[in-house]
Amino acid sequence: MSTRRPDPYAGILAGPVDGPARVRQVYPELPATAGLAVEHRASRFRGRLVRLDADAAVIRSETGSERLFRLVPGAFAVDGKAVSLVRPAPSGAAGGPGAARRTASGSVAVAGVPAQVAKASRILVEGVHDAELAEKVWGDDLRVEGVVVERLDGIDVLDDVVRSFAPGPGRRLGVLVDHLVAGSKEARIAERVRHPHVLVTGTPFVDVWQAVKPSVAGIPAWPAVPKGQPWKEGICSALGAGNDTGAFWRRLLSSVKTYADLEPALVGAVERLIDFVTEPT
């Protein structure tokens, strides 16, 4: 005789019943295309599909907040009906003449369009590594949009840079900041430059290196660096990579192929900036 105790929360239909076994519900499949209005059924989070990230969908609400939800069967609702979002089928055979080429950011590459004349709006990043990573992943998109990425070489000069830039309609400024967390120096500086035509986004990471997924670097996690020790040098030391931070960065950058190699926090922050500085005003 079984001694297993019944589950008090299972309900009266949890045990065996007379009749055929229950059939797993099948949901209609819908291609997950950017801009699709969806609702995540479990959380009731609503918004538009921004992109697919590995096995998850990135949904942006009307307020601009973004969340990731796994692509599980029946997880979403479109027009009030439960559906399973799936990756869109390619427009042609892989590598064939009808196949749509994707940029490193996941956008559809636009053939035959030259780089546009630079717009007045700009995106600022903290340093050379941030700029190189943005170029590698979003460079094609930025050239098509005519958006220039410039280096701040330190967040401490942001106040002066914003004043000199004189943001306004048609002249927007987007700023990407590391370690943008409550109570940080970066958060205080971001608050000081608040302006209708300035958007500061960022990540919780100490440095843009951390925005590269550890698996891409071939490590289980980024090492913790003791306070007071230079972060990049501490990382190289902990990983046995010597003291040449430049060489380590070149290896790390070469391992990044697409946006999927980056943490969603960075991807979302950069794409919000691109949307902001290219939005008609």
C-alpha atoms as a PDB file:
ATOM      1  CA  MET A   1       0.000   0.000   0.000  1.00  0.00           C
ATOM      2  CA  SER A   2       1.300   3.458  -0.892  1.00  0.00           C
ATOM      3  CA  THR A   3       2.075   5.714   2.064  1.00  0.00           C
ATOM      4  CA  ARG A   4       2.378   8.905  -0.014  1.00  0.00           C
ATOM      5  CA  ARG A   5       0.292  11.706   1.466  1.00  0.00           C
ATOM      6  CA  PRO A   6      -2.155  13.409  -0.859  1.00  0.00           C
ATOM      7  CA  ASP A   7      -1.350  16.937  -1.977  1.00  0.00           C
ATOM      8  CA  PRO A   8      -3.812  19.175  -0.082  1.00  0.00           C
ATOM      9  CA  TYR A   9      -3.583  21.817  -2.819  1.00  0.00           C
ATOM     10  CA  ALA A  10      -4.063  19.530  -5.800  1.00  0.00           C
ATOM     11  CA  GLY A  11      -7.844  19.746  -6.035  1.00  0.00           C
ATOM     12  CA  ILE A  12     -10.398  17.057  -6.733  1.00  0.00           C
ATOM     13  CA  LEU A  13      -9.264  16.551 -10.336  1.00  0.00           C
ATOM     14  CA  ALA A  14      -5.635  15.862  -9.456  1.00  0.00           C
ATOM     15  CA  GLY A  15      -6.035  12.119  -9.101  1.00  0.00           C
ATOM     16  CA  PRO A  16      -7.094   9.525 -11.661  1.00  0.00           C
ATOM     17  CA  VAL A  17     -10.545   9.910 -13.126  1.00  0.00           C
ATOM     18  CA  ASP A  18     -12.660   7.658 -15.289  1.00  0.00           C
ATOM     19  CA  GLY A  19     -12.379   8.269 -18.983  1.00  0.00           C
ATOM     20  CA  PRO A  20      -9.539   9.062 -21.394  1.00  0.00           C
ATOM     21  CA  ALA A  21      -6.352  10.805 -20.283  1.00  0.00           C
ATOM     22  CA  ARG A  22      -6.347  14.572 -20.537  1.00  0.00           C
ATOM     23  CA  VAL A  23      -4.844  15.923 -23.774  1.00  0.00           C
ATOM     24  CA  ARG A  24      -2.254  18.670 -23.453  1.00  0.00           C
ATOM     25  CA  GLN A  25      -3.637  21.917 -24.803  1.00  0.00           C
ATOM     26  CA  VAL A  26      -2.143  23.059 -28.087  1.00  0.00           C
ATOM     27  CA  TYR A  27      -1.893  26.804 -28.749  1.00  0.00           C
ATOM     28  CA  PRO A  28      -1.747  28.426 -32.181  1.00  0.00           C
ATOM     29  CA  GLU A  29       1.741  29.542 -33.155  1.00  0.00           C
ATOM     30  CA  LEU A  30       2.363  33.152 -34.145  1.00  0.00           C
ATOM     31  CA  PRO A  31       5.584  34.552 -35.626  1.00  0.00           C
ATOM     32  CA  ALA A  32       7.251  36.897 -33.141  1.00  0.00           C
ATOM     33  CA  THR A  33       7.703  40.030 -35.230  1.00  0.00           C
ATOM     34  CA  ALA A  34       8.980  43.346 -33.869  1.00  0.00           C
ATOM     35  CA  GLY A  35       6.177  45.750 -32.972  1.00  0.00           C
ATOM     36  CA  LEU A  36       3.602  43.042 -32.235  1.00  0.00           C
ATOM     37  CA  ALA A  37       1.262  44.049 -29.390  1.00  0.00           C
ATOM     38  CA  VAL A  38       1.266  41.240 -26.827  1.00  0.00           C
ATOM     39  CA  GLU A  39       0.384  40.457 -23.239  1.00  0.00           C
ATOM     40  CA  HIS A  40       2.283  38.032 -21.032  1.00  0.00           C
ATOM     41  CA  ARG A  41      -0.580  36.007 -19.609  1.00  0.00           C
ATOM     42  CA  ALA A  42       0.932  35.069 -16.254  1.00  0.00           C
ATOM     43  CA  SER A  43       2.132  38.547 -15.247  1.00  0.00           C
ATOM     44  CA  ARG A  44      -0.370  40.629 -17.268  1.00  0.00           C
ATOM     45  CA  PHE A  45       2.574  42.690 -18.525  1.00  0.00           C
ATOM     46  CA  ARG A  46       1.557  44.366 -21.789  1.00  0.00           C
ATOM     47  CA  GLY A  47       3.557  46.048 -24.499  1.00  0.00           C
ATOM     48  CA  ARG A  48       5.149  45.565 -27.884  1.00  0.00           C
ATOM     49  CA  LEU A  49       7.659  42.969 -28.886  1.00  0.00           C
ATOM     50  CA  VAL A  50      11.096  44.546 -29.276  1.00  0.00           C
ATOM     51  CA  ARG A  51      13.133  41.491 -30.243  1.00  0.00           C
ATOM     52  CA  LEU A  52      13.897  37.892 -29.417  1.00  0.00           C
ATOM     53  CA  ASP A  53      16.839  37.165 -27.128  1.00  0.00           C
ATOM     54  CA  ALA A  54      17.874  33.499 -27.195  1.00  0.00           C
ATOM     55  CA  ASP A  55      14.787  31.664 -25.864  1.00  0.00           C
ATOM     56  CA  ALA A  56      13.022  34.784 -24.567  1.00  0.00           C
ATOM     57  CA  ALA A  57      10.962  37.668 -25.895  1.00  0.00           C
ATOM     58  CA  VAL A  58      11.784  41.248 -24.902  1.00  0.00           C
ATOM     59  CA  ILE A  59       8.577  43.236 -24.358  1.00  0.00           C
ATOM     60  CA  ARG A  60       8.521  47.020 -23.938  1.00  0.00           C
ATOM     61  CA  SER A  61       5.574  48.645 -22.145  1.00  0.00           C
ATOM     62  CA  GLU A  62       4.055  52.045 -22.987  1.00  0.00           C
ATOM     63  CA  THR A  63       6.145  53.570 -20.200  1.00  0.00           C
ATOM     64  CA  GLY A  64       9.377  52.308 -21.779  1.00  0.00           C
ATOM     65  CA  SER A  65      10.165  49.543 -19.289  1.00  0.00           C
ATOM     66  CA  GLU A  66      11.380  46.272 -20.761  1.00  0.00           C
ATOM     67  CA  ARG A  67      11.031  42.712 -19.489  1.00  0.00           C
ATOM     68  CA  LEU A  68      12.121  39.304 -20.773  1.00  0.00           C
ATOM     69  CA  PHE A  69       9.711  36.381 -20.910  1.00  0.00           C
ATOM     70  CA  ARG A  70      10.499  32.804 -21.950  1.00  0.00           C
ATOM     71  CA  LEU A  71       9.015  31.521 -25.185  1.00  0.00           C
ATOM     72  CA  VAL A  72       6.925  28.754 -23.639  1.00  0.00           C
ATOM     73  CA  PRO A  73       3.737  27.424 -25.268  1.00  0.00           C
ATOM     74  CA  GLY A  74       0.702  29.582 -24.625  1.00  0.00           C
ATOM     75  CA  ALA A  75       2.659  32.158 -22.585  1.00  0.00           C
ATOM     76  CA  PHE A  76       1.342  35.170 -24.502  1.00  0.00           C
ATOM     77  CA  ALA A  77      -1.957  36.618 -25.641  1.00  0.00           C
ATOM     78  CA  VAL A  78      -2.531  38.561 -28.860  1.00  0.00           C
ATOM     79  CA  ASP A  79      -5.914  40.192 -29.436  1.00  0.00           C
ATOM     80  CA  GLY A  80      -7.169  38.366 -26.360  1.00  0.00           C
ATOM     81  CA  LYS A  81      -6.262  34.882 -27.617  1.00  0.00           C
ATOM     82  CA  ALA A  82      -3.573  32.662 -26.077  1.00  0.00           C
ATOM     83  CA  VAL A  83      -0.731  31.939 -28.502  1.00  0.00           C
ATOM     84  CA  SER A  84       2.768  30.522 -28.646  1.00  0.00           C
ATOM     85  CA  LEU A  85       5.257  33.006 -30.043  1.00  0.00           C
ATOM     86  CA  VAL A  86       7.798  31.397 -32.370  1.00  0.00           C
ATOM     87  CA  ARG A  87      10.728  32.674 -34.363  1.00  0.00           C
ATOM     88  CA  PRO A  88       9.647  33.928 -37.798  1.00  0.00           C
ATOM     89  CA  ALA A  89      10.551  31.654 -40.687  1.00  0.00           C
ATOM     90  CA  PRO A  90      13.370  33.007 -42.874  1.00  0.00           C
ATOM     91  CA  SER A  91      12.220  34.708 -46.057  1.00  0.00           C
ATOM     92  CA  GLY A  92      14.296  32.303 -48.135  1.00  0.00           C
ATOM     93  CA  ALA A  93      16.604  29.344 -47.836  1.00  0.00           C
ATOM     94  CA  ALA A  94      19.511  29.950 -45.501  1.00  0.00           C
ATOM     95  CA  GLY A  95      22.195  31.769 -47.435  1.00  0.00           C
ATOM     96  CA  GLY A  96      19.994  31.797 -50.538  1.00  0.00           C
ATOM     97  CA  PRO A  97      19.112  34.845 -52.583  1.00  0.00           C
ATOM     98  CA  GLY A  98      15.862  35.381 -50.686  1.00  0.00           C
ATOM     99  CA  ALA A  99      17.332  35.132 -47.198  1.00  0.00           C
ATOM    100  CA  ALA A 100      17.302  38.305 -45.138  1.00  0.00           C
ATOM    101  CA  ARG A 101      20.723  39.180 -43.789  1.00  0.00           C
ATOM    102  CA  ARG A 102      20.782  40.215 -40.150  1.00  0.00           C
ATOM    103  CA  THR A 103      23.107  42.750 -38.600  1.00  0.00           C
ATOM    104  CA  ALA A 104      24.914  42.005 -35.336  1.00  0.00           C
ATOM    105  CA  SER A 105      22.127  43.845 -33.511  1.00  0.00           C
ATOM    106  CA  GLY A 106      19.478  41.517 -34.945  1.00  0.00           C
ATOM    107  CA  SER A 107      18.048  44.074 -37.369  1.00  0.00           C
ATOM    108  CA  VAL A 108      17.352  43.238 -40.986  1.00  0.00           C
ATOM    109  CA  ALA A 109      20.260  44.573 -43.033  1.00  0.00           C
ATOM    110  CA  VAL A 110      19.241  47.189 -45.588  1.00  0.00           C
ATOM    111  CA  ALA A 111      21.118  46.559 -48.811  1.00  0.00           C
ATOM    112  CA  GLY A 112      22.414  49.375 -50.990  1.00  0.00           C
ATOM    113  CA  VAL A 113      21.816  52.166 -48.481  1.00  0.00           C
ATOM    114  CA  PRO A 114      24.913  54.309 -47.929  1.00  0.00           C
ATOM    115  CA  ALA A 115      25.795  55.753 -44.555  1.00  0.00           C
ATOM    116  CA  GLN A 116      23.635  58.770 -43.875  1.00  0.00           C
ATOM    117  CA  VAL A 117      24.894  62.263 -43.204  1.00  0.00           C
ATOM    118  CA  ALA A 118      25.355  62.542 -39.454  1.00  0.00           C
ATOM    119  CA  LYS A 119      22.369  63.932 -37.579  1.00  0.00           C
ATOM    120  CA  ALA A 120      22.745  66.662 -34.995  1.00  0.00           C
ATOM    121  CA  SER A 121      21.683  64.199 -32.300  1.00  0.00           C
ATOM    122  CA  ARG A 122      24.429  62.137 -30.677  1.00  0.00           C
ATOM    123  CA  ILE A 123      24.991  59.168 -28.400  1.00  0.00           C
ATOM    124  CA  LEU A 124      27.690  59.528 -25.757  1.00  0.00           C
ATOM    125  CA  VAL A 125      29.470  56.608 -24.101  1.00  0.00           C
ATOM    126  CA  GLU A 126      31.951  56.658 -21.261  1.00  0.00           C
ATOM    127  CA  GLY A 127      35.087  55.296 -22.904  1.00  0.00           C
ATOM    128  CA  VAL A 128      36.809  53.669 -25.828  1.00  0.00           C
ATOM    129  CA  HIS A 129      35.722  50.120 -24.946  1.00  0.00           C
ATOM    130  CA  ASP A 130      32.062  51.183 -24.803  1.00  0.00           C
ATOM    131  CA  ALA A 131      32.450  52.860 -28.196  1.00  0.00           C
ATOM    132  CA  GLU A 132      34.125  49.822 -29.764  1.00  0.00           C
ATOM    133  CA  LEU A 133      31.446  47.464 -28.487  1.00  0.00           C
ATOM    134  CA  ALA A 134      28.663  49.758 -29.744  1.00  0.00           C
ATOM    135  CA  GLU A 135      30.326  49.923 -33.156  1.00  0.00           C
ATOM    136  CA  LYS A 136      30.720  46.158 -33.402  1.00  0.00           C
ATOM    137  CA  VAL A 137      27.105  45.327 -32.523  1.00  0.00           C
ATOM    138  CA  TRP A 138      25.141  48.406 -33.621  1.00  0.00           C
ATOM    139  CA  GLY A 139      27.477  50.010 -36.157  1.00  0.00           C
ATOM    140  CA  ASP A 140      25.405  49.070 -39.227  1.00  0.00           C
ATOM    141  CA  ASP A 141      22.228  50.433 -37.648  1.00  0.00           C
ATOM    142  CA  LEU A 142      23.900  53.656 -36.546  1.00  0.00           C
ATOM    143  CA  ARG A 143      25.308  54.367 -39.996  1.00  0.00           C
ATOM    144  CA  VAL A 144      21.920  53.830 -41.655  1.00  0.00           C
ATOM    145  CA  GLU A 145      20.335  56.182 -39.105  1.00  0.00           C
ATOM    146  CA  GLY A 146      23.136  58.745 -39.334  1.00  0.00           C
ATOM    147  CA  VAL A 147      23.877  58.614 -35.595  1.00  0.00           C
ATOM    148  CA  VAL A 148      27.375  59.297 -34.292  1.00  0.00           C
ATOM    149  CA  VAL A 149      28.705  57.738 -31.088  1.00  0.00           C
ATOM    150  CA  GLU A 150      31.181  59.906 -29.189  1.00  0.00           C
ATOM    151  CA  ARG A 151      33.338  59.208 -26.126  1.00  0.00           C
ATOM    152  CA  LEU A 152      33.068  61.140 -22.908  1.00  0.00           C
ATOM    153  CA  ASP A 153      36.289  59.703 -21.491  1.00  0.00           C
ATOM    154  CA  GLY A 154      34.793  59.938 -18.020  1.00  0.00           C
ATOM    155  CA  ILE A 155      31.328  60.586 -16.625  1.00  0.00           C
ATOM    156  CA  ASP A 156      32.567  63.505 -14.505  1.00  0.00           C
ATOM    157  CA  VAL A 157      32.555  65.843 -17.519  1.00  0.00           C
ATOM    158  CA  LEU A 158      28.945  65.104 -18.479  1.00  0.00           C
ATOM    159  CA  ASP A 159      27.515  68.360 -17.030  1.00  0.00           C
ATOM    160  CA  ASP A 160      29.852  70.493 -19.136  1.00  0.00           C
ATOM    161  CA  VAL A 161      29.324  68.386 -22.250  1.00  0.00           C
ATOM    162  CA  VAL A 162      25.525  68.656 -22.036  1.00  0.00           C
ATOM    163  CA  ARG A 163      25.695  72.441 -21.575  1.00  0.00           C
ATOM    164  CA  SER A 164      28.031  72.800 -24.548  1.00  0.00           C
ATOM    165  CA  PHE A 165      25.873  70.528 -26.689  1.00  0.00           C
ATOM    166  CA  ALA A 166      22.746  72.662 -26.041  1.00  0.00           C
ATOM    167  CA  PRO A 167      20.121  69.925 -26.572  1.00  0.00           C
ATOM    168  CA  GLY A 168      16.769  70.819 -28.063  1.00  0.00           C
ATOM    169  CA  PRO A 169      14.219  69.734 -30.694  1.00  0.00           C
ATOM    170  CA  GLY A 170      16.037  67.849 -33.444  1.00  0.00           C
ATOM    171  CA  ARG A 171      19.204  67.923 -31.354  1.00  0.00           C
ATOM    172  CA  ARG A 172      18.881  65.132 -28.838  1.00  0.00           C
ATOM    173  CA  LEU A 173      21.546  63.607 -26.655  1.00  0.00           C
ATOM    174  CA  GLY A 174      21.605  60.002 -25.479  1.00  0.00           C
ATOM    175  CA  VAL A 175      24.086  58.943 -22.806  1.00  0.00           C
ATOM    176  CA  LEU A 176      25.138  55.402 -21.900  1.00  0.00           C
ATOM    177  CA  VAL A 177      26.499  55.064 -18.356  1.00  0.00           C
ATOM    178  CA  ASP A 178      28.078  52.214 -16.409  1.00  0.00           C
ATOM    179  CA  HIS A 179      27.049  51.501 -12.800  1.00  0.00           C
ATOM    180  CA  LEU A 180      23.789  53.437 -13.043  1.00  0.00           C
ATOM    181  CA  VAL A 181      22.324  52.273  -9.737  1.00  0.00           C
ATOM    182  CA  ALA A 182      20.507  54.081  -6.938  1.00  0.00           C
ATOM    183  CA  GLY A 183      22.822  56.156  -4.776  1.00  0.00           C
ATOM    184  CA  SER A 184      25.808  55.962  -7.116  1.00  0.00           C
ATOM    185  CA  LYS A 185      27.832  58.901  -8.367  1.00  0.00           C
ATOM    186  CA  GLU A 186      26.620  58.102 -11.859  1.00  0.00           C
ATOM    187  CA  ALA A 187      22.974  58.298 -10.768  1.00  0.00           C
ATOM    188  CA  ARG A 188      23.545  61.706  -9.169  1.00  0.00           C
ATOM    189  CA  ILE A 189      25.204  63.052 -12.302  1.00  0.00           C
ATOM    190  CA  ALA A 190      22.399  61.665 -14.466  1.00  0.00           C
ATOM    191  CA  GLU A 191      19.861  63.469 -12.303  1.00  0.00           C
ATOM    192  CA  ARG A 192      21.736  66.774 -12.721  1.00  0.00           C
ATOM    193  CA  VAL A 193      21.516  66.640 -16.517  1.00  0.00           C
ATOM    194  CA  ARG A 194      17.806  65.805 -16.643  1.00  0.00           C
ATOM    195  CA  HIS A 195      16.316  67.487 -19.735  1.00  0.00           C
ATOM    196  CA  PRO A 196      13.428  66.763 -22.152  1.00  0.00           C
ATOM    197  CA  HIS A 197      15.935  66.202 -24.970  1.00  0.00           C
ATOM    198  CA  VAL A 198      18.507  64.244 -22.967  1.00  0.00           C
ATOM    199  CA  LEU A 199      18.128  60.568 -22.090  1.00  0.00           C
ATOM    200  CA  VAL A 200      20.576  58.812 -19.780  1.00  0.00           C
ATOM    201  CA  THR A 201      20.401  55.021 -19.711  1.00  0.00           C
ATOM    202  CA  GLY A 202      22.834  52.545 -18.263  1.00  0.00           C
ATOM    203  CA  THR A 203      23.585  49.208 -16.725  1.00  0.00           C
ATOM    204  CA  PRO A 204      24.316  48.062 -13.170  1.00  0.00           C
ATOM    205  CA  PHE A 205      27.741  46.804 -14.252  1.00  0.00           C
ATOM    206  CA  VAL A 206      30.958  48.369 -12.965  1.00  0.00           C
ATOM    207  CA  ASP A 207      32.425  48.284 -16.460  1.00  0.00           C
ATOM    208  CA  VAL A 208      31.246  47.456 -19.970  1.00  0.00           C
ATOM    209  CA  TRP A 209      33.340  44.255 -19.835  1.00  0.00           C
ATOM    210  CA  GLN A 210      30.719  42.819 -17.479  1.00  0.00           C
ATOM    211  CA  ALA A 211      28.038  43.440 -20.103  1.00  0.00           C
ATOM    212  CA  VAL A 212      29.585  40.632 -22.153  1.00  0.00           C
ATOM    213  CA  LYS A 213      28.077  37.338 -21.020  1.00  0.00           C
ATOM    214  CA  PRO A 214      30.629  35.320 -19.023  1.00  0.00           C
ATOM    215  CA  SER A 215      30.069  32.275 -21.217  1.00  0.00           C
ATOM    216  CA  VAL A 216      31.277  34.283 -24.208  1.00  0.00           C
ATOM    217  CA  ALA A 217      34.514  34.953 -22.339  1.00  0.00           C
ATOM    218  CA  GLY A 218      34.777  31.257 -21.480  1.00  0.00           C
ATOM    219  CA  ILE A 219      34.269  31.745 -17.746  1.00  0.00           C
ATOM    220  CA  PRO A 220      31.404  30.757 -15.397  1.00  0.00           C
ATOM    221  CA  ALA A 221      31.113  34.278 -13.945  1.00  0.00           C
ATOM    222  CA  TRP A 222      32.984  37.559 -13.766  1.00  0.00           C
ATOM    223  CA  PRO A 223      35.305  37.517 -10.715  1.00  0.00           C
ATOM    224  CA  ALA A 224      34.692  39.855  -7.793  1.00  0.00           C
ATOM    225  CA  VAL A 225      37.371  42.532  -7.503  1.00  0.00           C
ATOM    226  CA  PRO A 226      38.228  43.790  -3.986  1.00  0.00           C
ATOM    227  CA  LYS A 227      37.389  47.418  -3.242  1.00  0.00           C
ATOM    228  CA  GLY A 228      40.235  49.801  -3.872  1.00  0.00           C
ATOM    229  CA  GLN A 229      41.766  47.683  -6.630  1.00  0.00           C
ATOM    230  CA  PRO A 230      41.494  48.894 -10.252  1.00  0.00           C
ATOM    231  CA  TRP A 231      38.684  46.827 -11.729  1.00  0.00           C
ATOM    232  CA  LYS A 232      40.127  45.887 -15.118  1.00  0.00           C
ATOM    233  CA  GLU A 233      43.510  45.013 -13.650  1.00  0.00           C
ATOM    234  CA  GLY A 234      41.780  43.003 -10.937  1.00  0.00           C
ATOM    235  CA  ILE A 235      39.816  41.032 -13.514  1.00  0.00           C
ATOM    236  CA  CYS A 236      42.940  40.221 -15.520  1.00  0.00           C
ATOM    237  CA  SER A 237      44.772  39.173 -12.377  1.00  0.00           C
ATOM    238  CA  ALA A 238      41.924  36.945 -11.171  1.00  0.00           C
ATOM    239  CA  LEU A 239      41.705  35.260 -14.568  1.00  0.00           C
ATOM    240  CA  GLY A 240      45.447  34.816 -14.912  1.00  0.00           C
ATOM    241  CA  ALA A 241      45.510  37.080 -17.968  1.00  0.00           C
ATOM    242  CA  GLY A 242      48.517  39.153 -16.922  1.00  0.00           C
ATOM    243  CA  ASN A 243      48.563  42.944 -16.740  1.00  0.00           C
ATOM    244  CA  ASP A 244      47.776  43.814 -20.355  1.00  0.00           C
ATOM    245  CA  THR A 245      44.156  44.960 -20.110  1.00  0.00           C
ATOM    246  CA  GLY A 246      44.235  46.087 -23.735  1.00  0.00           C
ATOM    247  CA  ALA A 247      45.108  42.624 -24.974  1.00  0.00           C
ATOM    248  CA  PHE A 248      42.396  41.051 -22.805  1.00  0.00           C
ATOM    249  CA  TRP A 249      39.808  43.492 -24.147  1.00  0.00           C
ATOM    250  CA  ARG A 250      40.771  42.755 -27.758  1.00  0.00           C
ATOM    251  CA  ARG A 251      40.257  39.042 -27.145  1.00  0.00           C
ATOM    252  CA  LEU A 252      36.953  39.687 -25.395  1.00  0.00           C
ATOM    253  CA  LEU A 253      35.688  42.013 -28.126  1.00  0.00           C
ATOM    254  CA  SER A 254      36.640  39.526 -30.854  1.00  0.00           C
ATOM    255  CA  SER A 255      34.503  36.882 -29.123  1.00  0.00           C
ATOM    256  CA  VAL A 256      31.373  39.065 -29.374  1.00  0.00           C
ATOM    257  CA  LYS A 257      29.497  38.284 -32.586  1.00  0.00           C
ATOM    258  CA  THR A 258      25.945  39.552 -32.023  1.00  0.00           C
ATOM    259  CA  TYR A 259      23.712  41.205 -29.436  1.00  0.00           C
ATOM    260  CA  ALA A 260      22.937  37.717 -28.074  1.00  0.00           C
ATOM    261  CA  ASP A 261      26.473  37.668 -26.623  1.00  0.00           C
ATOM    262  CA  LEU A 262      25.623  40.674 -24.428  1.00  0.00           C
ATOM    263  CA  GLU A 263      23.597  41.009 -21.259  1.00  0.00           C
ATOM    264  CA  PRO A 264      19.995  42.171 -21.868  1.00  0.00           C
ATOM    265  CA  ALA A 265      20.571  45.219 -19.620  1.00  0.00           C
ATOM    266  CA  LEU A 266      23.096  46.653 -22.079  1.00  0.00           C
ATOM    267  CA  VAL A 267      21.130  45.691 -25.185  1.00  0.00           C
ATOM    268  CA  GLY A 268      17.996  47.373 -23.860  1.00  0.00           C
ATOM    269  CA  ALA A 269      19.877  50.493 -22.757  1.00  0.00           C
ATOM    270  CA  VAL A 270      21.552  51.023 -26.150  1.00  0.00           C
ATOM    271  CA  GLU A 271      18.409  50.376 -28.154  1.00  0.00           C
ATOM    272  CA  ARG A 272      16.439  52.853 -26.043  1.00  0.00           C
ATOM    273  CA  LEU A 273      19.075  55.470 -26.843  1.00  0.00           C
ATOM    274  CA  ILE A 274      18.954  54.741 -30.569  1.00  0.00           C
ATOM    275  CA  ASP A 275      15.158  55.023 -30.536  1.00  0.00           C
ATOM    276  CA  PHE A 276      15.373  58.267 -28.555  1.00  0.00           C
ATOM    277  CA  VAL A 277      17.869  60.094 -30.782  1.00  0.00           C
ATOM    278  CA  THR A 278      16.186  58.966 -34.028  1.00  0.00           C
ATOM    279  CA  GLU A 279      12.614  59.676 -32.961  1.00  0.00           C
ATOM    280  CA  PRO A 280      11.076  62.571 -34.953  1.00  0.00           C
ATOM    281  CA  THR A 281      10.608  65.698 -32.819  1.00  0.00           C
END
